Amino acid sequence: MDKVVDIASQAAERIINIYLDDRFDIQLKSDRTPVTQADLQAHHLIVDKLQQLTGDIPILSEESASYGWQQRKLWQLYWLIDPLDGTQEFIDKNGEFTVNIALISNGKPIMGIVQAPVLGEVYFAATGIGAFKTSATNNTQLIKVRQVPQLNGQAEFIVAIGRGCISEQLKKFYLKLSKHKTIRLGSSLKTCLIAEGKADVYPRFGKTSEWDTAAAQCILECAGGLVSDMQLSPLKYNTKDSLLNPEFIAYGDKTISWSNYLT
């Protein structure tokens, strides 16, 4: 895992060099989402390094998602990467973007690395080993989810959400909560905050792709939480032609009846 963490760090350095240059180009992909030189350079670096490291294991990246289902359905083990998760955050210069690398085995993420280039932090985890965070001061610690605190019999939630508009579904979710605070930030950092016990839940009622969630899902689940669909079944990977996720909820405290807040 250390070698993959190092690959993510190398990609982060490449991204930062472009981030500090205000003249980077922005293009639109066919789905009308933005892409920059940082996305593409990080993609090529990660793919090249992983190929050198693991040889024949297939690699699926947001920037090369051209493999058809007939080919992908034969994969039992593969790398799933988002070389720059949070391209809009990169463009907006708020620092809330990440490098995501996950290893998927039979539909489940078994290794995950989320590197935050501007923050200088990296989250990493592997099944059977645990979840960890290395800070900007190079201090590495085991991380765990927290239990939602109670005050006078009421849960006090910390909800992590993105910086986009608040949807009607999210408003309905909020109405079912008791006391709560909200943290707004981009990319996989929302799920990672839950993994380190700084937030409790991240409900996602919009479109995401499998490379957006896999690495952080591994980190959260190794820290004691779960990323599930709205029926509370864990997200699975490479099970169909489409690479889009269902709507999902990421949470830390498994003693909470989350279904009560989703119906």
C-alpha atoms as a PDB file:
ATOM      1  CA  MET A   1       0.000   0.000   0.000  1.00  0.00           C
ATOM      2  CA  ASP A   2       2.892   2.384   0.700  1.00  0.00           C
ATOM      3  CA  LYS A   3       3.902   2.316  -2.959  1.00  0.00           C
ATOM      4  CA  VAL A   4       0.386   3.280  -4.050  1.00  0.00           C
ATOM      5  CA  VAL A   5       0.301   6.091  -1.491  1.00  0.00           C
ATOM      6  CA  ASP A   6       3.552   7.322  -3.019  1.00  0.00           C
ATOM      7  CA  ILE A   7       1.989   7.254  -6.502  1.00  0.00           C
ATOM      8  CA  ALA A   8      -0.907   9.369  -5.233  1.00  0.00           C
ATOM      9  CA  SER A   9       1.587  11.809  -3.701  1.00  0.00           C
ATOM     10  CA  GLN A  10       3.471  12.097  -6.993  1.00  0.00           C
ATOM     11  CA  ALA A  11       0.196  12.841  -8.775  1.00  0.00           C
ATOM     12  CA  ALA A  12      -0.618  15.452  -6.118  1.00  0.00           C
ATOM     13  CA  GLU A  13       2.709  17.195  -6.799  1.00  0.00           C
ATOM     14  CA  ARG A  14       1.949  17.281 -10.511  1.00  0.00           C
ATOM     15  CA  ILE A  15      -1.491  18.755  -9.802  1.00  0.00           C
ATOM     16  CA  ILE A  16      -0.136  21.416  -7.436  1.00  0.00           C
ATOM     17  CA  ASN A  17       2.347  22.631 -10.054  1.00  0.00           C
ATOM     18  CA  ILE A  18      -0.548  23.316 -12.415  1.00  0.00           C
ATOM     19  CA  TYR A  19      -2.812  24.648  -9.641  1.00  0.00           C
ATOM     20  CA  LEU A  20      -0.308  27.386  -8.854  1.00  0.00           C
ATOM     21  CA  ASP A  21      -0.330  28.508 -12.490  1.00  0.00           C
ATOM     22  CA  ASP A  22      -3.412  30.663 -13.147  1.00  0.00           C
ATOM     23  CA  ARG A  23      -3.116  30.083 -16.888  1.00  0.00           C
ATOM     24  CA  PHE A  24      -4.244  26.441 -17.039  1.00  0.00           C
ATOM     25  CA  ASP A  25      -6.724  25.543 -19.778  1.00  0.00           C
ATOM     26  CA  ILE A  26     -10.238  24.295 -19.082  1.00  0.00           C
ATOM     27  CA  GLN A  27     -12.125  22.102 -21.548  1.00  0.00           C
ATOM     28  CA  LEU A  28     -15.544  20.471 -21.488  1.00  0.00           C
ATOM     29  CA  LYS A  29     -15.953  16.720 -21.924  1.00  0.00           C
ATOM     30  CA  SER A  30     -18.846  15.162 -23.817  1.00  0.00           C
ATOM     31  CA  ASP A  31     -20.930  15.077 -20.614  1.00  0.00           C
ATOM     32  CA  ARG A  32     -20.336  18.838 -20.193  1.00  0.00           C
ATOM     33  CA  THR A  33     -18.127  18.393 -17.111  1.00  0.00           C
ATOM     34  CA  PRO A  34     -14.810  20.275 -16.998  1.00  0.00           C
ATOM     35  CA  VAL A  35     -11.347  18.768 -17.452  1.00  0.00           C
ATOM     36  CA  THR A  36      -7.943  20.434 -17.099  1.00  0.00           C
ATOM     37  CA  GLN A  37      -4.315  19.588 -17.808  1.00  0.00           C
ATOM     38  CA  ALA A  38      -4.085  18.613 -14.143  1.00  0.00           C
ATOM     39  CA  ASP A  39      -6.689  15.856 -14.589  1.00  0.00           C
ATOM     40  CA  LEU A  40      -4.901  14.503 -17.653  1.00  0.00           C
ATOM     41  CA  GLN A  41      -1.349  14.715 -16.346  1.00  0.00           C
ATOM     42  CA  ALA A  42      -2.321  13.070 -13.046  1.00  0.00           C
ATOM     43  CA  HIS A  43      -4.164  10.375 -15.000  1.00  0.00           C
ATOM     44  CA  HIS A  44      -1.148   9.518 -17.155  1.00  0.00           C
ATOM     45  CA  LEU A  45       1.215   9.489 -14.175  1.00  0.00           C
ATOM     46  CA  ILE A  46      -1.001   7.210 -12.080  1.00  0.00           C
ATOM     47  CA  VAL A  47      -1.721   4.805 -14.942  1.00  0.00           C
ATOM     48  CA  ASP A  48       1.957   4.553 -15.890  1.00  0.00           C
ATOM     49  CA  LYS A  49       3.072   3.977 -12.290  1.00  0.00           C
ATOM     50  CA  LEU A  50       0.367   1.403 -11.552  1.00  0.00           C
ATOM     51  CA  GLN A  51       1.210  -0.493 -14.722  1.00  0.00           C
ATOM     52  CA  GLN A  52       4.831  -0.615 -13.628  1.00  0.00           C
ATOM     53  CA  LEU A  53       3.803  -1.735 -10.136  1.00  0.00           C
ATOM     54  CA  THR A  54       1.116  -4.328 -10.818  1.00  0.00           C
ATOM     55  CA  GLY A  55       1.496  -5.343 -14.454  1.00  0.00           C
ATOM     56  CA  ASP A  56      -1.616  -7.065 -15.769  1.00  0.00           C
ATOM     57  CA  ILE A  57      -4.202  -5.679 -13.333  1.00  0.00           C
ATOM     58  CA  PRO A  58      -6.642  -3.563 -15.425  1.00  0.00           C
ATOM     59  CA  ILE A  59      -6.972   0.156 -14.714  1.00  0.00           C
ATOM     60  CA  LEU A  60     -10.213   2.102 -15.061  1.00  0.00           C
ATOM     61  CA  SER A  61      -9.907   5.883 -14.790  1.00  0.00           C
ATOM     62  CA  GLU A  62     -12.359   8.723 -15.185  1.00  0.00           C
ATOM     63  CA  GLU A  63     -10.159  10.007 -17.994  1.00  0.00           C
ATOM     64  CA  SER A  64     -10.073   6.671 -19.864  1.00  0.00           C
ATOM     65  CA  ALA A  65     -13.447   5.100 -19.136  1.00  0.00           C
ATOM     66  CA  SER A  66     -13.779   3.530 -22.582  1.00  0.00           C
ATOM     67  CA  TYR A  67     -13.860  -0.132 -21.554  1.00  0.00           C
ATOM     68  CA  GLY A  68     -17.145  -1.773 -22.497  1.00  0.00           C
ATOM     69  CA  TRP A  69     -19.203  -3.934 -20.172  1.00  0.00           C
ATOM     70  CA  GLN A  70     -18.382  -7.106 -22.097  1.00  0.00           C
ATOM     71  CA  GLN A  71     -14.731  -6.551 -21.245  1.00  0.00           C
ATOM     72  CA  ARG A  72     -15.197  -5.169 -17.744  1.00  0.00           C
ATOM     73  CA  LYS A  73     -17.498  -7.930 -16.518  1.00  0.00           C
ATOM     74  CA  LEU A  74     -14.553 -10.322 -16.726  1.00  0.00           C
ATOM     75  CA  TRP A  75     -12.555  -8.266 -14.234  1.00  0.00           C
ATOM     76  CA  GLN A  76     -12.362  -9.717 -10.729  1.00  0.00           C
ATOM     77  CA  LEU A  77      -9.535  -7.392  -9.670  1.00  0.00           C
ATOM     78  CA  TYR A  78      -8.844  -3.918 -11.059  1.00  0.00           C
ATOM     79  CA  TRP A  79      -7.718  -0.395 -10.187  1.00  0.00           C
ATOM     80  CA  LEU A  80     -10.358   2.329 -10.163  1.00  0.00           C
ATOM     81  CA  ILE A  81      -9.029   5.886 -10.124  1.00  0.00           C
ATOM     82  CA  ASP A  82     -10.180   9.467 -10.223  1.00  0.00           C
ATOM     83  CA  PRO A  83      -6.963  11.399 -10.888  1.00  0.00           C
ATOM     84  CA  LEU A  84      -8.572  14.677  -9.798  1.00  0.00           C
ATOM     85  CA  ASP A  85     -11.811  14.366  -7.869  1.00  0.00           C
ATOM     86  CA  GLY A  86     -13.302  17.827  -7.598  1.00  0.00           C
ATOM     87  CA  THR A  87     -12.221  19.452 -10.843  1.00  0.00           C
ATOM     88  CA  GLN A  88     -14.633  22.320 -10.200  1.00  0.00           C
ATOM     89  CA  GLU A  89     -13.031  22.874  -6.786  1.00  0.00           C
ATOM     90  CA  PHE A  90      -9.653  22.904  -8.535  1.00  0.00           C
ATOM     91  CA  ILE A  91     -10.936  25.549 -10.960  1.00  0.00           C
ATOM     92  CA  ASP A  92     -12.513  27.538  -8.119  1.00  0.00           C
ATOM     93  CA  LYS A  93      -9.185  27.439  -6.237  1.00  0.00           C
ATOM     94  CA  ASN A  94     -10.703  26.404  -2.909  1.00  0.00           C
ATOM     95  CA  GLY A  95      -8.298  23.508  -2.376  1.00  0.00           C
ATOM     96  CA  GLU A  96     -11.049  20.933  -1.804  1.00  0.00           C
ATOM     97  CA  PHE A  97     -10.016  18.352  -4.405  1.00  0.00           C
ATOM     98  CA  THR A  98      -8.361  14.964  -4.131  1.00  0.00           C
ATOM     99  CA  VAL A  99      -6.522  12.174  -5.910  1.00  0.00           C
ATOM    100  CA  ASN A 100      -8.491   8.920  -5.537  1.00  0.00           C
ATOM    101  CA  ILE A 101      -7.032   5.445  -6.101  1.00  0.00           C
ATOM    102  CA  ALA A 102      -8.929   2.258  -5.218  1.00  0.00           C
ATOM    103  CA  LEU A 103      -8.306  -1.435  -5.732  1.00  0.00           C
ATOM    104  CA  ILE A 104     -11.537  -3.337  -6.407  1.00  0.00           C
ATOM    105  CA  SER A 105     -11.910  -7.068  -5.794  1.00  0.00           C
ATOM    106  CA  ASN A 106     -15.139  -8.794  -6.832  1.00  0.00           C
ATOM    107  CA  GLY A 107     -17.120  -5.577  -6.656  1.00  0.00           C
ATOM    108  CA  LYS A 108     -15.744  -4.362  -3.313  1.00  0.00           C
ATOM    109  CA  PRO A 109     -13.044  -1.744  -2.682  1.00  0.00           C
ATOM    110  CA  ILE A 110     -10.273  -3.437  -0.679  1.00  0.00           C
ATOM    111  CA  MET A 111      -7.699  -0.641  -0.807  1.00  0.00           C
ATOM    112  CA  GLY A 112      -8.266   3.101  -0.958  1.00  0.00           C
ATOM    113  CA  ILE A 113      -6.070   6.188  -1.069  1.00  0.00           C
ATOM    114  CA  VAL A 114      -7.431   9.746  -0.981  1.00  0.00           C
ATOM    115  CA  GLN A 115      -4.708  12.394  -1.267  1.00  0.00           C
ATOM    116  CA  ALA A 116      -5.587  16.060  -0.743  1.00  0.00           C
ATOM    117  CA  PRO A 117      -2.846  18.022  -2.568  1.00  0.00           C
ATOM    118  CA  VAL A 118      -3.469  21.505  -1.156  1.00  0.00           C
ATOM    119  CA  LEU A 119      -4.128  20.324   2.394  1.00  0.00           C
ATOM    120  CA  GLY A 120      -1.075  18.061   2.312  1.00  0.00           C
ATOM    121  CA  GLU A 121      -3.093  15.236   3.863  1.00  0.00           C
ATOM    122  CA  VAL A 122      -3.573  11.646   2.763  1.00  0.00           C
ATOM    123  CA  TYR A 123      -6.130   9.081   3.908  1.00  0.00           C
ATOM    124  CA  PHE A 124      -5.434   5.422   3.172  1.00  0.00           C
ATOM    125  CA  ALA A 125      -6.891   2.060   4.101  1.00  0.00           C
ATOM    126  CA  ALA A 126      -6.935  -1.614   3.240  1.00  0.00           C
ATOM    127  CA  THR A 127      -9.271  -4.401   4.267  1.00  0.00           C
ATOM    128  CA  GLY A 128      -7.922  -6.234   7.287  1.00  0.00           C
ATOM    129  CA  ILE A 129      -5.368  -3.509   8.062  1.00  0.00           C
ATOM    130  CA  GLY A 130      -7.403  -0.444   9.033  1.00  0.00           C
ATOM    131  CA  ALA A 131      -7.796   3.191   8.022  1.00  0.00           C
ATOM    132  CA  PHE A 132      -5.160   5.876   8.545  1.00  0.00           C
ATOM    133  CA  LYS A 133      -4.528   9.574   8.004  1.00  0.00           C
ATOM    134  CA  THR A 134      -1.180  11.254   7.471  1.00  0.00           C
ATOM    135  CA  SER A 135      -1.306  14.950   8.314  1.00  0.00           C
ATOM    136  CA  ALA A 136       0.497  17.813   6.625  1.00  0.00           C
ATOM    137  CA  THR A 137       3.131  17.520   9.378  1.00  0.00           C
ATOM    138  CA  ASN A 138       3.705  13.853   8.405  1.00  0.00           C
ATOM    139  CA  ASN A 139       2.013  12.435  11.501  1.00  0.00           C
ATOM    140  CA  THR A 140       0.202   9.166  10.718  1.00  0.00           C
ATOM    141  CA  GLN A 141      -2.641   7.968  12.937  1.00  0.00           C
ATOM    142  CA  LEU A 142      -5.274   5.248  12.900  1.00  0.00           C
ATOM    143  CA  ILE A 143      -8.705   6.777  12.315  1.00  0.00           C
ATOM    144  CA  LYS A 144     -12.153   5.619  13.433  1.00  0.00           C
ATOM    145  CA  VAL A 145     -15.724   6.832  13.054  1.00  0.00           C
ATOM    146  CA  ARG A 146     -17.476   8.319  16.056  1.00  0.00           C
ATOM    147  CA  GLN A 147     -20.766   7.540  17.728  1.00  0.00           C
ATOM    148  CA  VAL A 148     -23.306  10.316  17.227  1.00  0.00           C
ATOM    149  CA  PRO A 149     -23.449  12.240  20.530  1.00  0.00           C
ATOM    150  CA  GLN A 150     -26.752  12.596  22.357  1.00  0.00           C
ATOM    151  CA  LEU A 151     -27.993  15.639  24.289  1.00  0.00           C
ATOM    152  CA  ASN A 152     -31.176  15.285  26.322  1.00  0.00           C
ATOM    153  CA  GLY A 153     -32.095  12.211  24.324  1.00  0.00           C
ATOM    154  CA  GLN A 154     -31.609  13.895  20.943  1.00  0.00           C
ATOM    155  CA  ALA A 155     -28.864  13.038  18.479  1.00  0.00           C
ATOM    156  CA  GLU A 156     -26.575  15.887  17.470  1.00  0.00           C
ATOM    157  CA  PHE A 157     -25.523  15.190  13.894  1.00  0.00           C
ATOM    158  CA  ILE A 158     -22.741  16.714  11.835  1.00  0.00           C
ATOM    159  CA  VAL A 159     -23.789  16.497   8.187  1.00  0.00           C
ATOM    160  CA  ALA A 160     -21.241  16.772   5.375  1.00  0.00           C
ATOM    161  CA  ILE A 161     -22.556  18.006   2.014  1.00  0.00           C
ATOM    162  CA  GLY A 162     -21.134  19.458  -1.181  1.00  0.00           C
ATOM    163  CA  ARG A 163     -20.993  23.098  -2.178  1.00  0.00           C
ATOM    164  CA  GLY A 164     -23.745  22.869  -4.803  1.00  0.00           C
ATOM    165  CA  CYS A 165     -27.376  23.886  -4.432  1.00  0.00           C
ATOM    166  CA  ILE A 166     -29.388  22.167  -1.702  1.00  0.00           C
ATOM    167  CA  SER A 167     -31.921  19.871  -3.365  1.00  0.00           C
ATOM    168  CA  GLU A 168     -35.492  19.277  -2.250  1.00  0.00           C
ATOM    169  CA  GLN A 169     -34.492  15.744  -1.225  1.00  0.00           C
ATOM    170  CA  LEU A 170     -31.734  17.096   0.989  1.00  0.00           C
ATOM    171  CA  LYS A 171     -34.150  19.586   2.548  1.00  0.00           C
ATOM    172  CA  LYS A 172     -36.488  16.710   3.428  1.00  0.00           C
ATOM    173  CA  PHE A 173     -33.567  14.789   4.932  1.00  0.00           C
ATOM    174  CA  TYR A 174     -32.688  17.774   7.124  1.00  0.00           C
ATOM    175  CA  LEU A 175     -36.283  18.048   8.370  1.00  0.00           C
ATOM    176  CA  LYS A 176     -36.043  14.547   9.825  1.00  0.00           C
ATOM    177  CA  LEU A 177     -32.892  15.261  11.791  1.00  0.00           C
ATOM    178  CA  SER A 178     -32.897  16.566  15.330  1.00  0.00           C
ATOM    179  CA  LYS A 179     -30.093  18.966  16.158  1.00  0.00           C
ATOM    180  CA  HIS A 180     -27.441  19.190  13.468  1.00  0.00           C
ATOM    181  CA  LYS A 181     -24.549  21.160  12.081  1.00  0.00           C
ATOM    182  CA  THR A 182     -23.464  21.257   8.439  1.00  0.00           C
ATOM    183  CA  ILE A 183     -20.005  21.136   6.907  1.00  0.00           C
ATOM    184  CA  ARG A 184     -19.817  22.021   3.211  1.00  0.00           C
ATOM    185  CA  LEU A 185     -16.832  20.915   1.159  1.00  0.00           C
ATOM    186  CA  GLY A 186     -15.932  19.240  -2.104  1.00  0.00           C
ATOM    187  CA  SER A 187     -14.719  15.874  -3.385  1.00  0.00           C
ATOM    188  CA  SER A 188     -14.147  12.700  -1.361  1.00  0.00           C
ATOM    189  CA  LEU A 189     -13.159  14.759   1.669  1.00  0.00           C
ATOM    190  CA  LYS A 190     -16.761  14.567   2.936  1.00  0.00           C
ATOM    191  CA  THR A 191     -16.597  10.795   3.323  1.00  0.00           C
ATOM    192  CA  CYS A 192     -13.094  10.984   4.783  1.00  0.00           C
ATOM    193  CA  LEU A 193     -14.315  13.417   7.466  1.00  0.00           C
ATOM    194  CA  ILE A 194     -16.790  10.767   8.585  1.00  0.00           C
ATOM    195  CA  ALA A 195     -14.001   8.174   8.647  1.00  0.00           C
ATOM    196  CA  GLU A 196     -11.940  10.296  11.055  1.00  0.00           C
ATOM    197  CA  GLY A 197     -14.901  11.102  13.298  1.00  0.00           C
ATOM    198  CA  LYS A 198     -15.333  14.752  12.313  1.00  0.00           C
ATOM    199  CA  ALA A 199     -18.725  14.257  10.645  1.00  0.00           C
ATOM    200  CA  ASP A 200     -21.513  11.689  10.910  1.00  0.00           C
ATOM    201  CA  VAL A 201     -23.319  11.432   7.606  1.00  0.00           C
ATOM    202  CA  TYR A 202     -23.096  12.422   3.950  1.00  0.00           C
ATOM    203  CA  PRO A 203     -26.343  11.927   1.998  1.00  0.00           C
ATOM    204  CA  ARG A 204     -25.869  12.110  -1.769  1.00  0.00           C
ATOM    205  CA  PHE A 205     -28.999  12.729  -3.822  1.00  0.00           C
ATOM    206  CA  GLY A 206     -27.272  13.542  -7.111  1.00  0.00           C
ATOM    207  CA  LYS A 207     -25.248  11.892  -9.836  1.00  0.00           C
ATOM    208  CA  THR A 208     -21.856  10.365  -9.073  1.00  0.00           C
ATOM    209  CA  SER A 209     -19.675   7.805 -10.814  1.00  0.00           C
ATOM    210  CA  GLU A 210     -17.947   4.776  -9.366  1.00  0.00           C
ATOM    211  CA  TRP A 211     -14.491   6.408  -9.411  1.00  0.00           C
ATOM    212  CA  ASP A 212     -15.885   9.225  -7.248  1.00  0.00           C
ATOM    213  CA  THR A 213     -16.677   6.969  -4.299  1.00  0.00           C
ATOM    214  CA  ALA A 214     -14.580   3.777  -4.275  1.00  0.00           C
ATOM    215  CA  ALA A 215     -11.401   4.963  -2.533  1.00  0.00           C
ATOM    216  CA  ALA A 216     -13.222   6.914   0.186  1.00  0.00           C
ATOM    217  CA  GLN A 217     -15.688   4.048   0.672  1.00  0.00           C
ATOM    218  CA  CYS A 218     -12.809   1.705   1.497  1.00  0.00           C
ATOM    219  CA  ILE A 219     -11.410   4.250   3.964  1.00  0.00           C
ATOM    220  CA  LEU A 220     -14.763   4.780   5.683  1.00  0.00           C
ATOM    221  CA  GLU A 221     -15.597   1.088   5.906  1.00  0.00           C
ATOM    222  CA  CYS A 222     -12.152   0.238   7.287  1.00  0.00           C
ATOM    223  CA  ALA A 223     -12.761   2.982   9.879  1.00  0.00           C
ATOM    224  CA  GLY A 224     -16.036   1.349  10.954  1.00  0.00           C
ATOM    225  CA  GLY A 225     -18.620   3.113   8.771  1.00  0.00           C
ATOM    226  CA  LEU A 226     -20.512   2.285   5.600  1.00  0.00           C
ATOM    227  CA  VAL A 227     -21.359   3.682   2.183  1.00  0.00           C
ATOM    228  CA  SER A 228     -24.691   2.284   1.041  1.00  0.00           C
ATOM    229  CA  ASP A 229     -27.517   2.892  -1.372  1.00  0.00           C
ATOM    230  CA  MET A 230     -30.752   4.309  -0.026  1.00  0.00           C
ATOM    231  CA  GLN A 231     -31.912   0.785   0.875  1.00  0.00           C
ATOM    232  CA  LEU A 232     -28.769   0.530   3.073  1.00  0.00           C
ATOM    233  CA  SER A 233     -27.033  -2.085   0.922  1.00  0.00           C
ATOM    234  CA  PRO A 234     -23.291  -1.407   0.465  1.00  0.00           C
ATOM    235  CA  LEU A 235     -22.316   0.185  -2.847  1.00  0.00           C
ATOM    236  CA  LYS A 236     -20.937  -2.403  -5.270  1.00  0.00           C
ATOM    237  CA  TYR A 237     -18.668  -1.824  -8.247  1.00  0.00           C
ATOM    238  CA  ASN A 238     -18.514  -3.060 -11.821  1.00  0.00           C
ATOM    239  CA  THR A 239     -21.839  -4.885 -11.672  1.00  0.00           C
ATOM    240  CA  LYS A 240     -23.483  -3.360 -14.764  1.00  0.00           C
ATOM    241  CA  ASP A 241     -22.909  -1.519 -18.020  1.00  0.00           C
ATOM    242  CA  SER A 242     -23.345   1.940 -16.482  1.00  0.00           C
ATOM    243  CA  LEU A 243     -20.599   3.334 -14.256  1.00  0.00           C
ATOM    244  CA  LEU A 244     -23.009   5.638 -12.427  1.00  0.00           C
ATOM    245  CA  ASN A 245     -23.730   5.084  -8.746  1.00  0.00           C
ATOM    246  CA  PRO A 246     -27.199   5.017  -7.261  1.00  0.00           C
ATOM    247  CA  GLU A 247     -28.023   7.743  -4.771  1.00  0.00           C
ATOM    248  CA  PHE A 248     -26.221   6.874  -1.551  1.00  0.00           C
ATOM    249  CA  ILE A 249     -25.584   7.669   2.074  1.00  0.00           C
ATOM    250  CA  ALA A 250     -22.214   7.505   3.829  1.00  0.00           C
ATOM    251  CA  TYR A 251     -22.341   7.248   7.600  1.00  0.00           C
ATOM    252  CA  GLY A 252     -20.209   6.350  10.585  1.00  0.00           C
ATOM    253  CA  ASP A 253     -22.435   5.261  13.445  1.00  0.00           C
ATOM    254  CA  LYS A 254     -24.046   1.922  12.579  1.00  0.00           C
ATOM    255  CA  THR A 255     -26.257   1.996  15.676  1.00  0.00           C
ATOM    256  CA  ILE A 256     -28.363   4.779  14.144  1.00  0.00           C
ATOM    257  CA  SER A 257     -31.485   3.666  12.234  1.00  0.00           C
ATOM    258  CA  TRP A 258     -30.586   5.636   9.119  1.00  0.00           C
ATOM    259  CA  SER A 259     -33.564   4.246   7.212  1.00  0.00           C
ATOM    260  CA  ASN A 260     -35.780   6.432   9.407  1.00  0.00           C
ATOM    261  CA  TYR A 261     -34.178   9.514   7.854  1.00  0.00           C
ATOM    262  CA  LEU A 262     -34.455   8.300   4.260  1.00  0.00           C
ATOM    263  CA  THR A 263     -38.155   7.445   4.022  1.00  0.00           C
END
